Amino acid sequence: YFVKKGIIDNNYNKKICARTLSNIAHISTYYFCRTFKQITGRTTTEYINEIRLKKSIELLKSGDMNITEISISCGFNNVNYFCRLFKNKYGVSPTKFVC
């Protein structure tokens, strides 16, 4: 990619947006978003959320944190949003996944 994959993978727990990534790549946000989707098949937000959800699985399996802590540590500002995305992706809520 024109922005190193590691930037997203290493900063998934922080606020990341297409504008920031486009600035790193030194291109317009519009061009970045369009090209990113062509390359990955996903929008920037979809890609970032996928990384965050994968990390949440690891944290859920460890059993050391509650759902709110996992949500926050994975970069989600809203626990309900995290739970909704998780259920849409995995077909079960994070609390059911743990059980």
N, C-alpha and C. Protein backbone atom coordinates (compact mmCIF):
# COMPACT_ATOMS: atom_id res chain seq x y z
N TYR A 1 0.84 -1.19 0.00
CA TYR A 1 0.00 0.00 0.00
C TYR A 1 0.88 1.24 0.00
N PHE A 2 0.27 2.35 -0.32
CA PHE A 2 1.04 3.59 -0.33
C PHE A 2 1.20 4.16 1.06
N VAL A 3 0.46 3.65 2.04
CA VAL A 3 0.69 3.94 3.45
C VAL A 3 1.04 2.60 4.06
N LYS A 4 2.13 2.54 4.78
CA LYS A 4 2.56 1.26 5.33
C LYS A 4 1.44 0.65 6.17
N LYS A 5 1.22 -0.64 5.93
CA LYS A 5 0.17 -1.36 6.65
C LYS A 5 0.38 -1.26 8.16
N GLY A 6 1.62 -1.21 8.58
CA GLY A 6 1.94 -1.14 10.00
C GLY A 6 1.39 0.08 10.70
N ILE A 7 1.19 1.15 9.97
CA ILE A 7 0.65 2.36 10.60
C ILE A 7 -0.72 2.08 11.19
N ILE A 8 -1.55 1.39 10.46
CA ILE A 8 -2.89 1.06 10.97
C ILE A 8 -2.77 -0.05 12.01
N ASP A 9 -2.03 -1.09 11.72
CA ASP A 9 -1.90 -2.23 12.63
C ASP A 9 -1.30 -1.84 13.98
N ASN A 10 -0.39 -0.89 13.97
CA ASN A 10 0.27 -0.49 15.21
C ASN A 10 -0.45 0.63 15.95
N ASN A 11 -1.46 1.22 15.32
CA ASN A 11 -2.17 2.34 15.95
C ASN A 11 -3.68 2.14 15.99
N TYR A 12 -4.12 0.90 15.89
CA TYR A 12 -5.56 0.59 15.87
C TYR A 12 -6.27 1.09 17.11
N ASN A 13 -5.54 1.20 18.23
CA ASN A 13 -6.17 1.61 19.48
C ASN A 13 -6.25 3.13 19.64
N LYS A 14 -5.75 3.85 18.66
CA LYS A 14 -5.83 5.32 18.67
C LYS A 14 -6.85 5.78 17.64
N LYS A 15 -7.16 7.05 17.69
CA LYS A 15 -8.05 7.61 16.68
C LYS A 15 -7.29 7.69 15.37
N ILE A 16 -7.79 6.95 14.38
CA ILE A 16 -7.18 6.95 13.05
C ILE A 16 -8.29 7.33 12.06
N CYS A 17 -7.97 8.22 11.17
CA CYS A 17 -8.96 8.56 10.16
C CYS A 17 -8.29 8.66 8.79
N ALA A 18 -9.10 8.65 7.77
CA ALA A 18 -8.59 8.71 6.41
C ALA A 18 -7.79 10.00 6.18
N ARG A 19 -8.21 11.06 6.81
CA ARG A 19 -7.51 12.34 6.63
C ARG A 19 -6.07 12.26 7.14
N THR A 20 -5.89 11.66 8.30
CA THR A 20 -4.55 11.49 8.86
C THR A 20 -3.71 10.61 7.95
N LEU A 21 -4.29 9.50 7.51
CA LEU A 21 -3.57 8.58 6.63
C LEU A 21 -3.23 9.22 5.29
N SER A 22 -4.14 10.02 4.77
CA SER A 22 -3.86 10.69 3.49
C SER A 22 -2.75 11.72 3.65
N ASN A 23 -2.70 12.37 4.81
CA ASN A 23 -1.62 13.32 5.07
C ASN A 23 -0.27 12.60 5.12
N ILE A 24 -0.26 11.42 5.73
CA ILE A 24 0.98 10.63 5.79
C ILE A 24 1.43 10.25 4.39
N ALA A 25 0.46 9.91 3.55
CA ALA A 25 0.76 9.50 2.17
C ALA A 25 1.00 10.69 1.25
N HIS A 26 0.74 11.90 1.74
CA HIS A 26 0.91 13.13 0.95
C HIS A 26 0.01 13.16 -0.29
N ILE A 27 -1.22 12.73 -0.11
CA ILE A 27 -2.21 12.78 -1.19
C ILE A 27 -3.52 13.29 -0.62
N SER A 28 -4.45 13.65 -1.48
CA SER A 28 -5.74 14.15 -1.01
C SER A 28 -6.51 13.03 -0.33
N THR A 29 -7.38 13.41 0.58
CA THR A 29 -8.21 12.44 1.30
C THR A 29 -9.11 11.69 0.32
N TYR A 30 -9.67 12.40 -0.65
CA TYR A 30 -10.53 11.76 -1.64
C TYR A 30 -9.76 10.68 -2.40
N TYR A 31 -8.59 11.03 -2.90
CA TYR A 31 -7.79 10.07 -3.66
C TYR A 31 -7.36 8.90 -2.78
N PHE A 32 -6.99 9.20 -1.55
CA PHE A 32 -6.59 8.15 -0.61
C PHE A 32 -7.73 7.15 -0.41
N CYS A 33 -8.91 7.67 -0.11
CA CYS A 33 -10.05 6.79 0.17
C CYS A 33 -10.40 5.94 -1.05
N ARG A 34 -10.41 6.55 -2.18
CA ARG A 34 -10.75 5.84 -3.42
C ARG A 34 -9.72 4.74 -3.71
N THR A 35 -8.46 5.09 -3.60
CA THR A 35 -7.40 4.13 -3.88
C THR A 35 -7.34 3.03 -2.82
N PHE A 36 -7.52 3.40 -1.58
CA PHE A 36 -7.51 2.42 -0.49
C PHE A 36 -8.59 1.37 -0.72
N LYS A 37 -9.78 1.82 -1.10
CA LYS A 37 -10.87 0.87 -1.35
C LYS A 37 -10.57 0.00 -2.57
N GLN A 38 -9.98 0.56 -3.58
CA GLN A 38 -9.62 -0.24 -4.77
C GLN A 38 -8.61 -1.33 -4.40
N ILE A 39 -7.67 -1.00 -3.55
CA ILE A 39 -6.61 -1.94 -3.18
C ILE A 39 -7.11 -2.99 -2.20
N THR A 40 -7.85 -2.57 -1.18
CA THR A 40 -8.24 -3.49 -0.10
C THR A 40 -9.63 -4.07 -0.26
N GLY A 41 -10.47 -3.41 -1.06
CA GLY A 41 -11.85 -3.85 -1.19
C GLY A 41 -12.73 -3.37 -0.04
N ARG A 42 -12.15 -2.58 0.85
CA ARG A 42 -12.88 -2.05 2.01
C ARG A 42 -12.58 -0.56 2.17
N THR A 43 -13.51 0.13 2.84
CA THR A 43 -13.24 1.52 3.17
C THR A 43 -12.20 1.55 4.29
N THR A 44 -11.64 2.71 4.51
CA THR A 44 -10.66 2.86 5.58
C THR A 44 -11.27 2.46 6.92
N THR A 45 -12.48 2.93 7.18
CA THR A 45 -13.16 2.62 8.44
C THR A 45 -13.40 1.13 8.59
N GLU A 46 -13.86 0.49 7.52
CA GLU A 46 -14.10 -0.96 7.57
C GLU A 46 -12.80 -1.71 7.87
N TYR A 47 -11.73 -1.29 7.24
CA TYR A 47 -10.44 -1.94 7.45
C TYR A 47 -9.96 -1.76 8.89
N ILE A 48 -10.02 -0.54 9.38
CA ILE A 48 -9.58 -0.26 10.76
C ILE A 48 -10.43 -1.04 11.74
N ASN A 49 -11.74 -1.05 11.55
CA ASN A 49 -12.62 -1.79 12.45
C ASN A 49 -12.33 -3.29 12.42
N GLU A 50 -11.98 -3.80 11.26
CA GLU A 50 -11.64 -5.22 11.16
C GLU A 50 -10.40 -5.54 12.00
N ILE A 51 -9.40 -4.69 11.92
CA ILE A 51 -8.19 -4.87 12.74
C ILE A 51 -8.56 -4.82 14.22
N ARG A 52 -9.37 -3.86 14.60
CA ARG A 52 -9.78 -3.71 15.99
C ARG A 52 -10.58 -4.92 16.48
N LEU A 53 -11.47 -5.42 15.65
CA LEU A 53 -12.27 -6.59 16.03
C LEU A 53 -11.39 -7.83 16.19
N LYS A 54 -10.40 -8.00 15.32
CA LYS A 54 -9.49 -9.14 15.46
C LYS A 54 -8.73 -9.06 16.78
N LYS A 55 -8.30 -7.87 17.13
CA LYS A 55 -7.59 -7.69 18.40
C LYS A 55 -8.53 -7.97 19.58
N SER A 56 -9.80 -7.58 19.44
CA SER A 56 -10.75 -7.81 20.53
C SER A 56 -10.94 -9.30 20.79
N ILE A 57 -10.86 -10.13 19.75
CA ILE A 57 -10.97 -11.58 19.91
C ILE A 57 -9.84 -12.09 20.81
N GLU A 58 -8.63 -11.61 20.55
CA GLU A 58 -7.48 -12.01 21.38
C GLU A 58 -7.71 -11.63 22.84
N LEU A 59 -8.21 -10.43 23.06
CA LEU A 59 -8.44 -9.97 24.43
C LEU A 59 -9.58 -10.72 25.10
N LEU A 60 -10.61 -11.04 24.34
CA LEU A 60 -11.73 -11.82 24.89
C LEU A 60 -11.24 -13.21 25.30
N LYS A 61 -10.41 -13.81 24.49
CA LYS A 61 -9.89 -15.15 24.79
C LYS A 61 -9.02 -15.16 26.04
N SER A 62 -8.30 -14.07 26.27
CA SER A 62 -7.42 -14.01 27.44
C SER A 62 -8.23 -13.93 28.73
N GLY A 63 -9.43 -13.34 28.66
CA GLY A 63 -10.31 -13.28 29.82
C GLY A 63 -9.87 -12.32 30.91
N ASP A 64 -8.90 -11.47 30.61
CA ASP A 64 -8.38 -10.55 31.63
C ASP A 64 -9.14 -9.23 31.73
N MET A 65 -9.97 -8.94 30.74
CA MET A 65 -10.64 -7.65 30.70
C MET A 65 -12.13 -7.83 30.47
N ASN A 66 -12.91 -6.83 30.93
CA ASN A 66 -14.35 -6.87 30.64
C ASN A 66 -14.60 -6.23 29.27
N ILE A 67 -15.83 -6.30 28.82
CA ILE A 67 -16.19 -5.83 27.47
C ILE A 67 -15.87 -4.35 27.29
N THR A 68 -16.16 -3.54 28.27
CA THR A 68 -15.88 -2.10 28.17
C THR A 68 -14.39 -1.85 28.03
N GLU A 69 -13.59 -2.52 28.84
CA GLU A 69 -12.13 -2.36 28.77
C GLU A 69 -11.59 -2.80 27.42
N ILE A 70 -12.11 -3.91 26.91
CA ILE A 70 -11.68 -4.40 25.61
C ILE A 70 -12.04 -3.40 24.52
N SER A 71 -13.26 -2.91 24.58
CA SER A 71 -13.73 -1.94 23.59
C SER A 71 -12.81 -0.72 23.55
N ILE A 72 -12.51 -0.18 24.71
CA ILE A 72 -11.67 1.02 24.80
C ILE A 72 -10.24 0.71 24.36
N SER A 73 -9.70 -0.41 24.81
CA SER A 73 -8.31 -0.72 24.46
C SER A 73 -8.13 -1.04 22.98
N CYS A 74 -9.22 -1.38 22.30
CA CYS A 74 -9.15 -1.65 20.86
C CYS A 74 -9.46 -0.41 20.02
N GLY A 75 -9.71 0.72 20.67
CA GLY A 75 -9.88 1.96 19.93
C GLY A 75 -11.31 2.37 19.66
N PHE A 76 -12.26 1.63 20.22
CA PHE A 76 -13.67 2.00 20.05
C PHE A 76 -14.06 2.99 21.14
N ASN A 77 -14.66 4.10 20.76
CA ASN A 77 -15.09 5.10 21.74
C ASN A 77 -16.44 4.77 22.35
N ASN A 78 -17.17 3.87 21.72
CA ASN A 78 -18.53 3.56 22.14
C ASN A 78 -18.69 2.05 22.25
N VAL A 79 -19.01 1.58 23.45
CA VAL A 79 -19.14 0.14 23.69
C VAL A 79 -20.29 -0.45 22.88
N ASN A 80 -21.37 0.28 22.76
CA ASN A 80 -22.52 -0.23 21.99
C ASN A 80 -22.15 -0.41 20.51
N TYR A 81 -21.39 0.54 19.98
CA TYR A 81 -20.93 0.44 18.59
C TYR A 81 -20.03 -0.79 18.43
N PHE A 82 -19.12 -0.97 19.37
CA PHE A 82 -18.25 -2.14 19.35
C PHE A 82 -19.07 -3.42 19.36
N CYS A 83 -20.02 -3.53 20.26
CA CYS A 83 -20.85 -4.73 20.38
C CYS A 83 -21.65 -4.99 19.09
N ARG A 84 -22.17 -3.93 18.51
CA ARG A 84 -22.94 -4.07 17.26
C ARG A 84 -22.05 -4.56 16.12
N LEU A 85 -20.87 -3.95 15.97
CA LEU A 85 -19.94 -4.39 14.93
C LEU A 85 -19.50 -5.84 15.16
N PHE A 86 -19.23 -6.16 16.41
CA PHE A 86 -18.78 -7.51 16.75
C PHE A 86 -19.85 -8.53 16.37
N LYS A 87 -21.08 -8.25 16.74
CA LYS A 87 -22.18 -9.18 16.44
C LYS A 87 -22.39 -9.30 14.93
N ASN A 88 -22.31 -8.19 14.21
CA ASN A 88 -22.45 -8.23 12.75
C ASN A 88 -21.35 -9.07 12.11
N LYS A 89 -20.14 -8.97 12.63
CA LYS A 89 -18.99 -9.68 12.05
C LYS A 89 -18.97 -11.16 12.42
N TYR A 90 -19.24 -11.46 13.71
CA TYR A 90 -19.06 -12.82 14.20
C TYR A 90 -20.36 -13.56 14.51
N GLY A 91 -21.49 -12.86 14.38
CA GLY A 91 -22.79 -13.51 14.57
C GLY A 91 -23.18 -13.76 16.01
N VAL A 92 -22.40 -13.23 16.92
CA VAL A 92 -22.67 -13.40 18.35
C VAL A 92 -22.12 -12.18 19.08
N SER A 93 -22.73 -11.81 20.18
CA SER A 93 -22.26 -10.65 20.93
C SER A 93 -20.94 -11.00 21.64
N PRO A 94 -20.16 -10.00 22.00
CA PRO A 94 -18.89 -10.27 22.70
C PRO A 94 -19.10 -11.04 24.01
N THR A 95 -20.18 -10.76 24.71
CA THR A 95 -20.43 -11.47 25.97
C THR A 95 -20.75 -12.94 25.72
N LYS A 96 -21.45 -13.25 24.66
CA LYS A 96 -21.75 -14.65 24.31
C LYS A 96 -20.49 -15.35 23.81
N PHE A 97 -19.64 -14.62 23.12
CA PHE A 97 -18.40 -15.19 22.59
C PHE A 97 -17.52 -15.72 23.73
N VAL A 98 -17.50 -14.98 24.81
CA VAL A 98 -16.68 -15.33 25.96
C VAL A 98 -17.16 -16.63 26.59
N CYS A 99 -18.47 -16.81 26.66
CA CYS A 99 -19.04 -17.97 27.36
C CYS A 99 -18.73 -19.28 26.69
